[in-house]
Structures are given as structure tokens and as C-alpha cells.
Amino acid sequence: MRMILWSGLGAAVLFLTIGGVWMLSLPAAPAALAAPPITREEADSMIAALKPPKRERPLIAIIGAN
């Protein structure tokens, strides 16, 4: 029983050591860059493109299953 406990403790220490070395070997995080400003014309054209199309009659869809 004592051997099993020491083996489990050794495995946990080995796992934590390998994990710590791996974390230290990772490259540094890149600096966050600010998004470039959006012009008013670009914002207006995007909003206009997202508007639903105008139809003379509404579209009605009926879904049924037998």
C-alpha cells in the first residue's frame, strides 16, 4: 500500500513538473491591437445591405409532414 501511495505521489509531482516546464516554454501572448476606425459611409452601406428586401406581397411558407 505504501508503494502505491509513493508511486501516485511521484506521478503527480512528475505531471506537475512537466506541465510547469511546458507552460514556461510557451511563447508570450501578442499585444492586442486596436481595431481601425470605420468610416460613416462604410457603416451606412453595411446597415443598408442588412435590411430585408421589400416585397409587394409577404412571403408565406407552410411546412408540413405526413
PDB file of N, CA and C in Angstrom:
ATOM      1  N   MET A   1       0.828  -1.193   0.000  1.00  0.00           N
ATOM      2  CA  MET A   1       0.000   0.000   0.000  1.00  0.00           C
ATOM      3  C   MET A   1       0.878   1.264   0.000  1.00  0.00           C
ATOM      4  N   ARG A   2       1.963   1.206   0.765  1.00  0.00           N
ATOM      5  CA  ARG A   2       2.861   2.343   0.852  1.00  0.00           C
ATOM      6  C   ARG A   2       3.534   2.624  -0.495  1.00  0.00           C
ATOM      7  N   MET A   3       3.846   1.565  -1.213  1.00  0.00           N
ATOM      8  CA  MET A   3       4.485   1.709  -2.524  1.00  0.00           C
ATOM      9  C   MET A   3       3.528   2.365  -3.518  1.00  0.00           C
ATOM     10  N   ILE A   4       2.252   2.023  -3.448  1.00  0.00           N
ATOM     11  CA  ILE A   4       1.241   2.607  -4.338  1.00  0.00           C
ATOM     12  C   ILE A   4       1.087   4.095  -4.056  1.00  0.00           C
ATOM     13  N   LEU A   5       1.054   4.481  -2.796  1.00  0.00           N
ATOM     14  CA  LEU A   5       0.939   5.893  -2.435  1.00  0.00           C
ATOM     15  C   LEU A   5       2.152   6.690  -2.920  1.00  0.00           C
ATOM     16  N   TRP A   6       3.353   6.166  -2.723  1.00  0.00           N
ATOM     17  CA  TRP A   6       4.555   6.863  -3.181  1.00  0.00           C
ATOM     18  C   TRP A   6       4.588   6.952  -4.707  1.00  0.00           C
ATOM     19  N   SER A   7       4.113   5.906  -5.382  1.00  0.00           N
ATOM     20  CA  SER A   7       4.067   5.930  -6.847  1.00  0.00           C
ATOM     21  C   SER A   7       3.082   6.990  -7.330  1.00  0.00           C
ATOM     22  N   GLY A   8       1.919   7.081  -6.696  1.00  0.00           N
ATOM     23  CA  GLY A   8       0.926   8.101  -7.058  1.00  0.00           C
ATOM     24  C   GLY A   8       1.452   9.496  -6.809  1.00  0.00           C
ATOM     25  N   LEU A   9       2.124   9.694  -5.685  1.00  0.00           N
ATOM     26  CA  LEU A   9       2.713  10.992  -5.371  1.00  0.00           C
ATOM     27  C   LEU A   9       3.810  11.350  -6.375  1.00  0.00           C
ATOM     28  N   GLY A  10       4.637  10.385  -6.729  1.00  0.00           N
ATOM     29  CA  GLY A  10       5.695  10.615  -7.715  1.00  0.00           C
ATOM     30  C   GLY A  10       5.117  10.955  -9.082  1.00  0.00           C
ATOM     31  N   ALA A  11       4.045  10.263  -9.478  1.00  0.00           N
ATOM     32  CA  ALA A  11       3.410  10.546 -10.767  1.00  0.00           C
ATOM     33  C   ALA A  11       2.809  11.944 -10.768  1.00  0.00           C
ATOM     34  N   ALA A  12       2.195  12.359  -9.663  1.00  0.00           N
ATOM     35  CA  ALA A  12       1.601  13.692  -9.577  1.00  0.00           C
ATOM     36  C   ALA A  12       2.681  14.769  -9.656  1.00  0.00           C
ATOM     37  N   VAL A  13       3.799  14.569  -8.967  1.00  0.00           N
ATOM     38  CA  VAL A  13       4.893  15.537  -8.999  1.00  0.00           C
ATOM     39  C   VAL A  13       5.490  15.604 -10.397  1.00  0.00           C
ATOM     40  N   LEU A  14       5.653  14.457 -11.038  1.00  0.00           N
ATOM     41  CA  LEU A  14       6.184  14.429 -12.397  1.00  0.00           C
ATOM     42  C   LEU A  14       5.247  15.147 -13.354  1.00  0.00           C
ATOM     43  N   PHE A  15       3.943  14.914 -13.230  1.00  0.00           N
ATOM     44  CA  PHE A  15       2.952  15.574 -14.079  1.00  0.00           C
ATOM     45  C   PHE A  15       2.990  17.083 -13.888  1.00  0.00           C
ATOM     46  N   LEU A  16       3.043  17.553 -12.656  1.00  0.00           N
ATOM     47  CA  LEU A  16       3.095  18.989 -12.378  1.00  0.00           C
ATOM     48  C   LEU A  16       4.392  19.611 -12.875  1.00  0.00           C
ATOM     49  N   THR A  17       5.499  18.905 -12.760  1.00  0.00           N
ATOM     50  CA  THR A  17       6.779  19.421 -13.239  1.00  0.00           C
ATOM     51  C   THR A  17       6.774  19.562 -14.754  1.00  0.00           C
ATOM     52  N   ILE A  18       6.308  18.533 -15.448  1.00  0.00           N
ATOM     53  CA  ILE A  18       6.241  18.587 -16.911  1.00  0.00           C
ATOM     54  C   ILE A  18       5.278  19.686 -17.349  1.00  0.00           C
ATOM     55  N   GLY A  19       4.148  19.821 -16.683  1.00  0.00           N
ATOM     56  CA  GLY A  19       3.188  20.870 -17.016  1.00  0.00           C
ATOM     57  C   GLY A  19       3.759  22.262 -16.791  1.00  0.00           C
ATOM     58  N   GLY A  20       4.506  22.442 -15.717  1.00  0.00           N
ATOM     59  CA  GLY A  20       5.112  23.741 -15.439  1.00  0.00           C
ATOM     60  C   GLY A  20       6.174  24.102 -16.464  1.00  0.00           C
ATOM     61  N   VAL A  21       6.997  23.135 -16.841  1.00  0.00           N
ATOM     62  CA  VAL A  21       8.021  23.388 -17.863  1.00  0.00           C
ATOM     63  C   VAL A  21       7.354  23.711 -19.191  1.00  0.00           C
ATOM     64  N   TRP A  22       6.293  23.008 -19.513  1.00  0.00           N
ATOM     65  CA  TRP A  22       5.582  23.279 -20.769  1.00  0.00           C
ATOM     66  C   TRP A  22       4.985  24.688 -20.752  1.00  0.00           C
ATOM     67  N   MET A  23       4.381  25.102 -19.640  1.00  0.00           N
ATOM     68  CA  MET A  23       3.807  26.453 -19.546  1.00  0.00           C
ATOM     69  C   MET A  23       4.883  27.522 -19.701  1.00  0.00           C
ATOM     70  N   LEU A  24       6.056  27.300 -19.140  1.00  0.00           N
ATOM     71  CA  LEU A  24       7.135  28.275 -19.246  1.00  0.00           C
ATOM     72  C   LEU A  24       7.735  28.314 -20.645  1.00  0.00           C
ATOM     73  N   SER A  25       7.581  27.243 -21.420  1.00  0.00           N
ATOM     74  CA  SER A  25       8.158  27.207 -22.765  1.00  0.00           C
ATOM     75  C   SER A  25       7.247  27.827 -23.816  1.00  0.00           C
ATOM     76  N   LEU A  26       6.016  28.167 -23.459  1.00  0.00           N
ATOM     77  CA  LEU A  26       5.094  28.760 -24.418  1.00  0.00           C
ATOM     78  C   LEU A  26       5.528  30.175 -24.776  1.00  0.00           C
ATOM     79  N   PRO A  27       5.268  30.609 -26.028  1.00  0.00           N
ATOM     80  CA  PRO A  27       5.643  31.983 -26.403  1.00  0.00           C
ATOM     81  C   PRO A  27       4.740  33.001 -25.704  1.00  0.00           C
ATOM     82  N   ALA A  28       5.235  34.212 -25.588  1.00  0.00           N
ATOM     83  CA  ALA A  28       4.467  35.281 -24.939  1.00  0.00           C
ATOM     84  C   ALA A  28       3.254  35.635 -25.797  1.00  0.00           C
ATOM     85  N   ALA A  29       2.198  36.090 -25.154  1.00  0.00           N
ATOM     86  CA  ALA A  29       0.984  36.477 -25.867  1.00  0.00           C
ATOM     87  C   ALA A  29       1.234  37.769 -26.642  1.00  0.00           C
ATOM     88  N   PRO A  30       0.710  37.841 -27.873  1.00  0.00           N
ATOM     89  CA  PRO A  30       0.908  39.078 -28.638  1.00  0.00           C
ATOM     90  C   PRO A  30       0.085  40.219 -28.047  1.00  0.00           C
ATOM     91  N   ALA A  31       0.568  41.421 -28.241  1.00  0.00           N
ATOM     92  CA  ALA A  31      -0.147  42.598 -27.742  1.00  0.00           C
ATOM     93  C   ALA A  31      -1.425  42.787 -28.552  1.00  0.00           C
ATOM     94  N   ALA A  32      -2.490  43.147 -27.876  1.00  0.00           N
ATOM     95  CA  ALA A  32      -3.768  43.363 -28.550  1.00  0.00           C
ATOM     96  C   ALA A  32      -3.712  44.667 -29.343  1.00  0.00           C
ATOM     97  N   LEU A  33      -4.138  44.587 -30.579  1.00  0.00           N
ATOM     98  CA  LEU A  33      -4.149  45.769 -31.433  1.00  0.00           C
ATOM     99  C   LEU A  33      -5.550  46.352 -31.475  1.00  0.00           C
ATOM    100  N   ALA A  34      -5.625  47.662 -31.514  1.00  0.00           N
ATOM    101  CA  ALA A  34      -6.924  48.326 -31.599  1.00  0.00           C
ATOM    102  C   ALA A  34      -7.470  48.175 -33.021  1.00  0.00           C
ATOM    103  N   ALA A  35      -8.779  48.014 -33.126  1.00  0.00           N
ATOM    104  CA  ALA A  35      -9.411  47.899 -34.435  1.00  0.00           C
ATOM    105  C   ALA A  35      -9.369  49.249 -35.149  1.00  0.00           C
ATOM    106  N   PRO A  36      -9.165  49.219 -36.460  1.00  0.00           N
ATOM    107  CA  PRO A  36      -9.140  50.500 -37.182  1.00  0.00           C
ATOM    108  C   PRO A  36     -10.535  51.128 -37.191  1.00  0.00           C
ATOM    109  N   PRO A  37     -10.627  52.444 -37.212  1.00  0.00           N
ATOM    110  CA  PRO A  37     -11.939  53.090 -37.208  1.00  0.00           C
ATOM    111  C   PRO A  37     -12.699  52.819 -38.510  1.00  0.00           C
ATOM    112  N   ILE A  38     -14.014  52.756 -38.404  1.00  0.00           N
ATOM    113  CA  ILE A  38     -14.883  52.508 -39.561  1.00  0.00           C
ATOM    114  C   ILE A  38     -15.493  53.837 -39.989  1.00  0.00           C
ATOM    115  N   THR A  39     -15.440  54.090 -41.287  1.00  0.00           N
ATOM    116  CA  THR A  39     -15.996  55.348 -41.784  1.00  0.00           C
ATOM    117  C   THR A  39     -17.518  55.299 -41.738  1.00  0.00           C
ATOM    118  N   ARG A  40     -18.119  56.467 -41.735  1.00  0.00           N
ATOM    119  CA  ARG A  40     -19.587  56.562 -41.668  1.00  0.00           C
ATOM    120  C   ARG A  40     -20.222  55.954 -42.919  1.00  0.00           C
ATOM    121  N   GLU A  41     -19.599  56.166 -44.093  1.00  0.00           N
ATOM    122  CA  GLU A  41     -20.151  55.618 -45.339  1.00  0.00           C
ATOM    123  C   GLU A  41     -20.141  54.093 -45.312  1.00  0.00           C
ATOM    124  N   GLU A  42     -19.078  53.511 -44.774  1.00  0.00           N
ATOM    125  CA  GLU A  42     -18.999  52.058 -44.704  1.00  0.00           C
ATOM    126  C   GLU A  42     -20.061  51.502 -43.749  1.00  0.00           C
ATOM    127  N   ALA A  43     -20.267  52.163 -42.626  1.00  0.00           N
ATOM    128  CA  ALA A  43     -21.277  51.721 -41.670  1.00  0.00           C
ATOM    129  C   ALA A  43     -22.673  51.832 -42.275  1.00  0.00           C
ATOM    130  N   ASP A  44     -22.946  52.931 -42.974  1.00  0.00           N
ATOM    131  CA  ASP A  44     -24.261  53.105 -43.603  1.00  0.00           C
ATOM    132  C   ASP A  44     -24.511  52.065 -44.688  1.00  0.00           C
ATOM    133  N   SER A  45     -23.476  51.749 -45.488  1.00  0.00           N
ATOM    134  CA  SER A  45     -23.666  50.756 -46.549  1.00  0.00           C
ATOM    135  C   SER A  45     -23.871  49.361 -45.961  1.00  0.00           C
ATOM    136  N   MET A  46     -23.228  49.057 -44.832  1.00  0.00           N
ATOM    137  CA  MET A  46     -23.418  47.760 -44.194  1.00  0.00           C
ATOM    138  C   MET A  46     -24.835  47.634 -43.626  1.00  0.00           C
ATOM    139  N   ILE A  47     -25.342  48.680 -42.998  1.00  0.00           N
ATOM    140  CA  ILE A  47     -26.700  48.668 -42.465  1.00  0.00           C
ATOM    141  C   ILE A  47     -27.714  48.530 -43.599  1.00  0.00           C
ATOM    142  N   ALA A  48     -27.476  49.214 -44.710  1.00  0.00           N
ATOM    143  CA  ALA A  48     -28.388  49.120 -45.850  1.00  0.00           C
ATOM    144  C   ALA A  48     -28.380  47.713 -46.443  1.00  0.00           C
ATOM    145  N   ALA A  49     -27.236  47.064 -46.462  1.00  0.00           N
ATOM    146  CA  ALA A  49     -27.148  45.710 -47.010  1.00  0.00           C
ATOM    147  C   ALA A  49     -27.831  44.690 -46.102  1.00  0.00           C
ATOM    148  N   LEU A  50     -27.932  44.967 -44.814  1.00  0.00           N
ATOM    149  CA  LEU A  50     -28.551  44.027 -43.884  1.00  0.00           C
ATOM    150  C   LEU A  50     -30.067  44.155 -43.813  1.00  0.00           C
ATOM    151  N   LYS A  51     -30.621  45.215 -44.360  1.00  0.00           N
ATOM    152  CA  LYS A  51     -32.070  45.392 -44.322  1.00  0.00           C
ATOM    153  C   LYS A  51     -32.740  44.348 -45.210  1.00  0.00           C
ATOM    154  N   PRO A  52     -33.888  43.832 -44.789  1.00  0.00           N
ATOM    155  CA  PRO A  52     -34.575  42.833 -45.614  1.00  0.00           C
ATOM    156  C   PRO A  52     -35.120  43.475 -46.890  1.00  0.00           C
ATOM    157  N   PRO A  53     -35.215  42.695 -47.977  1.00  0.00           N
ATOM    158  CA  PRO A  53     -35.736  43.256 -49.225  1.00  0.00           C
ATOM    159  C   PRO A  53     -37.228  43.573 -49.104  1.00  0.00           C
ATOM    160  N   LYS A  54     -37.674  44.591 -49.819  1.00  0.00           N
ATOM    161  CA  LYS A  54     -39.094  44.974 -49.812  1.00  0.00           C
ATOM    162  C   LYS A  54     -39.826  44.146 -50.864  1.00  0.00           C
ATOM    163  N   ARG A  55     -40.912  43.511 -50.466  1.00  0.00           N
ATOM    164  CA  ARG A  55     -41.714  42.718 -51.386  1.00  0.00           C
ATOM    165  C   ARG A  55     -43.097  43.349 -51.478  1.00  0.00           C
ATOM    166  N   GLU A  56     -43.727  43.177 -52.641  1.00  0.00           N
ATOM    167  CA  GLU A  56     -45.090  43.683 -52.786  1.00  0.00           C
ATOM    168  C   GLU A  56     -46.047  42.862 -51.932  1.00  0.00           C
ATOM    169  N   ARG A  57     -45.859  41.554 -51.944  1.00  0.00           N
ATOM    170  CA  ARG A  57     -46.701  40.666 -51.139  1.00  0.00           C
ATOM    171  C   ARG A  57     -45.806  39.945 -50.143  1.00  0.00           C
ATOM    172  N   PRO A  58     -46.295  39.686 -48.955  1.00  0.00           N
ATOM    173  CA  PRO A  58     -45.461  38.981 -47.973  1.00  0.00           C
ATOM    174  C   PRO A  58     -45.258  37.513 -48.395  1.00  0.00           C
ATOM    175  N   LEU A  59     -44.122  36.978 -48.034  1.00  0.00           N
ATOM    176  CA  LEU A  59     -43.796  35.583 -48.309  1.00  0.00           C
ATOM    177  C   LEU A  59     -44.324  34.728 -47.176  1.00  0.00           C
ATOM    178  N   ILE A  60     -45.126  33.718 -47.521  1.00  0.00           N
ATOM    179  CA  ILE A  60     -45.687  32.824 -46.513  1.00  0.00           C
ATOM    180  C   ILE A  60     -45.249  31.411 -46.857  1.00  0.00           C
ATOM    181  N   ALA A  61     -44.654  30.740 -45.909  1.00  0.00           N
ATOM    182  CA  ALA A  61     -44.197  29.365 -46.105  1.00  0.00           C
ATOM    183  C   ALA A  61     -44.923  28.462 -45.109  1.00  0.00           C
ATOM    184  N   ILE A  62     -45.446  27.354 -45.611  1.00  0.00           N
ATOM    185  CA  ILE A  62     -46.142  26.389 -44.762  1.00  0.00           C
ATOM    186  C   ILE A  62     -45.364  25.089 -44.836  1.00  0.00           C
ATOM    187  N   ILE A  63     -44.949  24.611 -43.679  1.00  0.00           N
ATOM    188  CA  ILE A  63     -44.175  23.381 -43.608  1.00  0.00           C
ATOM    189  C   ILE A  63     -45.065  22.325 -42.976  1.00  0.00           C
ATOM    190  N   GLY A  64     -45.149  21.186 -43.638  1.00  0.00           N
ATOM    191  CA  GLY A  64     -45.961  20.104 -43.107  1.00  0.00           C
ATOM    192  C   GLY A  64     -45.277  18.770 -43.314  1.00  0.00           C
ATOM    193  N   ALA A  65     -45.604  17.830 -42.477  1.00  0.00           N
ATOM    194  CA  ALA A  65     -45.042  16.485 -42.598  1.00  0.00           C
ATOM    195  C   ALA A  65     -46.170  15.479 -42.395  1.00  0.00           C
ATOM    196  N   ASN A  66     -46.175  14.488 -43.237  1.00  0.00           N
ATOM    197  CA  ASN A  66     -47.212  13.434 -43.096  1.00  0.00           C
ATOM    198  C   ASN A  66     -46.665  12.310 -42.247  1.00  0.00           C
TER     199      ASN A  66
END
